[in-house]
Amino acid sequence: MDDFINFRKLITPSIIKVVFWVSSVICITAGIVLIASSFGSYGGGATAFLSGLLITLLGPLVLRIFCETVFVVFKIFENTSSIEKLKSGSKKR
């Protein structure tokens, strides 16, 4: 509990995973809705279809890259913290 209160234990990496999956489901659903609605439109059906296809395929990929970038920042923090602990432990000896 002390680690949590003093921000040595972070909850954001767990939240990032949930945000990724929820956002991926939203992208896929929005893409499928756009693809389905493209069949009912007369003028811009091809544009809506291609937009829906791109959102369905590239949306989760772009989200994954973004979430991994944020996740790397937290991994760097964890590694820096562990190096700090190792350095402080060796100074006590």
C-alpha atoms as a PDB file:
ATOM      1  CA  MET A   1       0.000   0.000   0.000  1.00  0.00           C
ATOM      2  CA  ASP A   2       2.911   2.316   0.740  1.00  0.00           C
ATOM      3  CA  ASP A   3       4.219   1.865  -2.821  1.00  0.00           C
ATOM      4  CA  PHE A   4       0.822   2.848  -4.205  1.00  0.00           C
ATOM      5  CA  ILE A   5       0.548   5.967  -2.044  1.00  0.00           C
ATOM      6  CA  ASN A   6       4.095   7.092  -2.878  1.00  0.00           C
ATOM      7  CA  PHE A   7       3.643   6.446  -6.633  1.00  0.00           C
ATOM      8  CA  ARG A   8       6.213   3.655  -6.780  1.00  0.00           C
ATOM      9  CA  LYS A   9       3.479   1.311  -7.993  1.00  0.00           C
ATOM     10  CA  LEU A  10       1.673   2.687 -11.039  1.00  0.00           C
ATOM     11  CA  ILE A  11      -1.838   1.791 -12.168  1.00  0.00           C
ATOM     12  CA  THR A  12      -1.702   3.501 -15.559  1.00  0.00           C
ATOM     13  CA  PRO A  13      -0.068   0.556 -17.399  1.00  0.00           C
ATOM     14  CA  SER A  14      -3.080  -1.584 -16.489  1.00  0.00           C
ATOM     15  CA  ILE A  15      -5.469   1.157 -17.567  1.00  0.00           C
ATOM     16  CA  ILE A  16      -3.667   1.517 -20.908  1.00  0.00           C
ATOM     17  CA  LYS A  17      -4.460  -2.120 -21.736  1.00  0.00           C
ATOM     18  CA  VAL A  18      -8.155  -1.601 -21.034  1.00  0.00           C
ATOM     19  CA  VAL A  19      -8.208   1.633 -23.048  1.00  0.00           C
ATOM     20  CA  PHE A  20      -6.606  -0.172 -25.993  1.00  0.00           C
ATOM     21  CA  TRP A  21      -9.166  -2.982 -26.055  1.00  0.00           C
ATOM     22  CA  VAL A  22     -12.163  -0.687 -25.607  1.00  0.00           C
ATOM     23  CA  SER A  23     -10.877   1.679 -28.299  1.00  0.00           C
ATOM     24  CA  SER A  24     -10.196  -1.235 -30.654  1.00  0.00           C
ATOM     25  CA  VAL A  25     -13.760  -2.482 -30.262  1.00  0.00           C
ATOM     26  CA  ILE A  26     -15.046   1.042 -30.943  1.00  0.00           C
ATOM     27  CA  CYS A  27     -12.870   1.355 -34.085  1.00  0.00           C
ATOM     28  CA  ILE A  28     -13.957  -2.016 -35.439  1.00  0.00           C
ATOM     29  CA  THR A  29     -17.621  -1.290 -34.708  1.00  0.00           C
ATOM     30  CA  ALA A  30     -17.423   2.165 -36.296  1.00  0.00           C
ATOM     31  CA  GLY A  31     -15.690   0.709 -39.347  1.00  0.00           C
ATOM     32  CA  ILE A  32     -18.312  -1.992 -39.782  1.00  0.00           C
ATOM     33  CA  VAL A  33     -21.106   0.565 -39.395  1.00  0.00           C
ATOM     34  CA  LEU A  34     -19.491   2.770 -42.053  1.00  0.00           C
ATOM     35  CA  ILE A  35     -19.080  -0.191 -44.400  1.00  0.00           C
ATOM     36  CA  ALA A  36     -22.697  -1.232 -43.862  1.00  0.00           C
ATOM     37  CA  SER A  37     -23.988   2.307 -44.366  1.00  0.00           C
ATOM     38  CA  SER A  38     -22.001   2.671 -47.584  1.00  0.00           C
ATOM     39  CA  PHE A  39     -24.260   0.146 -49.287  1.00  0.00           C
ATOM     40  CA  GLY A  40     -27.315   2.317 -48.670  1.00  0.00           C
ATOM     41  CA  SER A  41     -25.897   5.597 -49.966  1.00  0.00           C
ATOM     42  CA  TYR A  42     -26.025   6.640 -53.590  1.00  0.00           C
ATOM     43  CA  GLY A  43     -23.343   9.293 -54.015  1.00  0.00           C
ATOM     44  CA  GLY A  44     -20.504   8.636 -51.598  1.00  0.00           C
ATOM     45  CA  GLY A  45     -20.747   4.904 -51.103  1.00  0.00           C
ATOM     46  CA  ALA A  46     -17.214   4.167 -52.222  1.00  0.00           C
ATOM     47  CA  THR A  47     -15.724   6.809 -49.947  1.00  0.00           C
ATOM     48  CA  ALA A  48     -17.675   5.559 -46.932  1.00  0.00           C
ATOM     49  CA  PHE A  49     -16.733   1.966 -47.733  1.00  0.00           C
ATOM     50  CA  LEU A  50     -13.023   2.752 -47.993  1.00  0.00           C
ATOM     51  CA  SER A  51     -13.140   4.902 -44.861  1.00  0.00           C
ATOM     52  CA  GLY A  52     -14.822   2.098 -42.959  1.00  0.00           C
ATOM     53  CA  LEU A  53     -12.294  -0.409 -44.224  1.00  0.00           C
ATOM     54  CA  LEU A  54      -9.375   1.799 -43.210  1.00  0.00           C
ATOM     55  CA  ILE A  55     -10.853   2.460 -39.764  1.00  0.00           C
ATOM     56  CA  THR A  56     -11.465  -1.251 -39.237  1.00  0.00           C
ATOM     57  CA  LEU A  57      -7.975  -2.316 -40.312  1.00  0.00           C
ATOM     58  CA  LEU A  58      -5.715   0.590 -39.385  1.00  0.00           C
ATOM     59  CA  GLY A  59      -7.553   1.948 -36.337  1.00  0.00           C
ATOM     60  CA  PRO A  60      -6.494  -0.818 -33.927  1.00  0.00           C
ATOM     61  CA  LEU A  61      -2.970  -0.767 -35.352  1.00  0.00           C
ATOM     62  CA  VAL A  62      -2.556   2.977 -34.780  1.00  0.00           C
ATOM     63  CA  LEU A  63      -4.079   2.627 -31.312  1.00  0.00           C
ATOM     64  CA  ARG A  64      -1.642  -0.178 -30.497  1.00  0.00           C
ATOM     65  CA  ILE A  65       1.337   1.933 -31.561  1.00  0.00           C
ATOM     66  CA  PHE A  66       0.100   4.865 -29.466  1.00  0.00           C
ATOM     67  CA  CYS A  67      -0.560   2.705 -26.396  1.00  0.00           C
ATOM     68  CA  GLU A  68       2.829   0.993 -26.714  1.00  0.00           C
ATOM     69  CA  THR A  69       4.515   4.387 -26.877  1.00  0.00           C
ATOM     70  CA  VAL A  70       2.819   5.470 -23.657  1.00  0.00           C
ATOM     71  CA  PHE A  71       3.560   2.078 -22.104  1.00  0.00           C
ATOM     72  CA  VAL A  72       7.276   2.436 -22.929  1.00  0.00           C
ATOM     73  CA  VAL A  73       7.412   5.647 -20.907  1.00  0.00           C
ATOM     74  CA  PHE A  74       6.142   3.762 -17.869  1.00  0.00           C
ATOM     75  CA  LYS A  75       8.574   0.894 -18.452  1.00  0.00           C
ATOM     76  CA  ILE A  76      11.413   3.409 -18.529  1.00  0.00           C
ATOM     77  CA  PHE A  77      10.157   4.763 -15.202  1.00  0.00           C
ATOM     78  CA  GLU A  78      10.078   1.252 -13.709  1.00  0.00           C
ATOM     79  CA  ASN A  79      13.583   0.476 -14.945  1.00  0.00           C
ATOM     80  CA  THR A  80      14.886   3.788 -13.625  1.00  0.00           C
ATOM     81  CA  SER A  81      13.285   3.069 -10.265  1.00  0.00           C
ATOM     82  CA  SER A  82      14.886  -0.371 -10.081  1.00  0.00           C
ATOM     83  CA  ILE A  83      18.299   1.103 -10.985  1.00  0.00           C
ATOM     84  CA  GLU A  84      17.794   3.699  -8.250  1.00  0.00           C
ATOM     85  CA  LYS A  85      17.023   0.942  -5.733  1.00  0.00           C
ATOM     86  CA  LEU A  86      20.130  -0.994  -6.788  1.00  0.00           C
ATOM     87  CA  LYS A  87      22.309   2.100  -6.480  1.00  0.00           C
ATOM     88  CA  SER A  88      20.935   3.012  -3.063  1.00  0.00           C
ATOM     89  CA  GLY A  89      21.386  -0.585  -1.885  1.00  0.00           C
ATOM     90  CA  SER A  90      25.031  -0.658  -2.933  1.00  0.00           C
ATOM     91  CA  LYS A  91      25.790   2.658  -1.175  1.00  0.00           C
ATOM     92  CA  LYS A  92      24.585   1.272   2.169  1.00  0.00           C
ATOM     93  CA  ARG A  93      27.189  -1.500   2.116  1.00  0.00           C
END
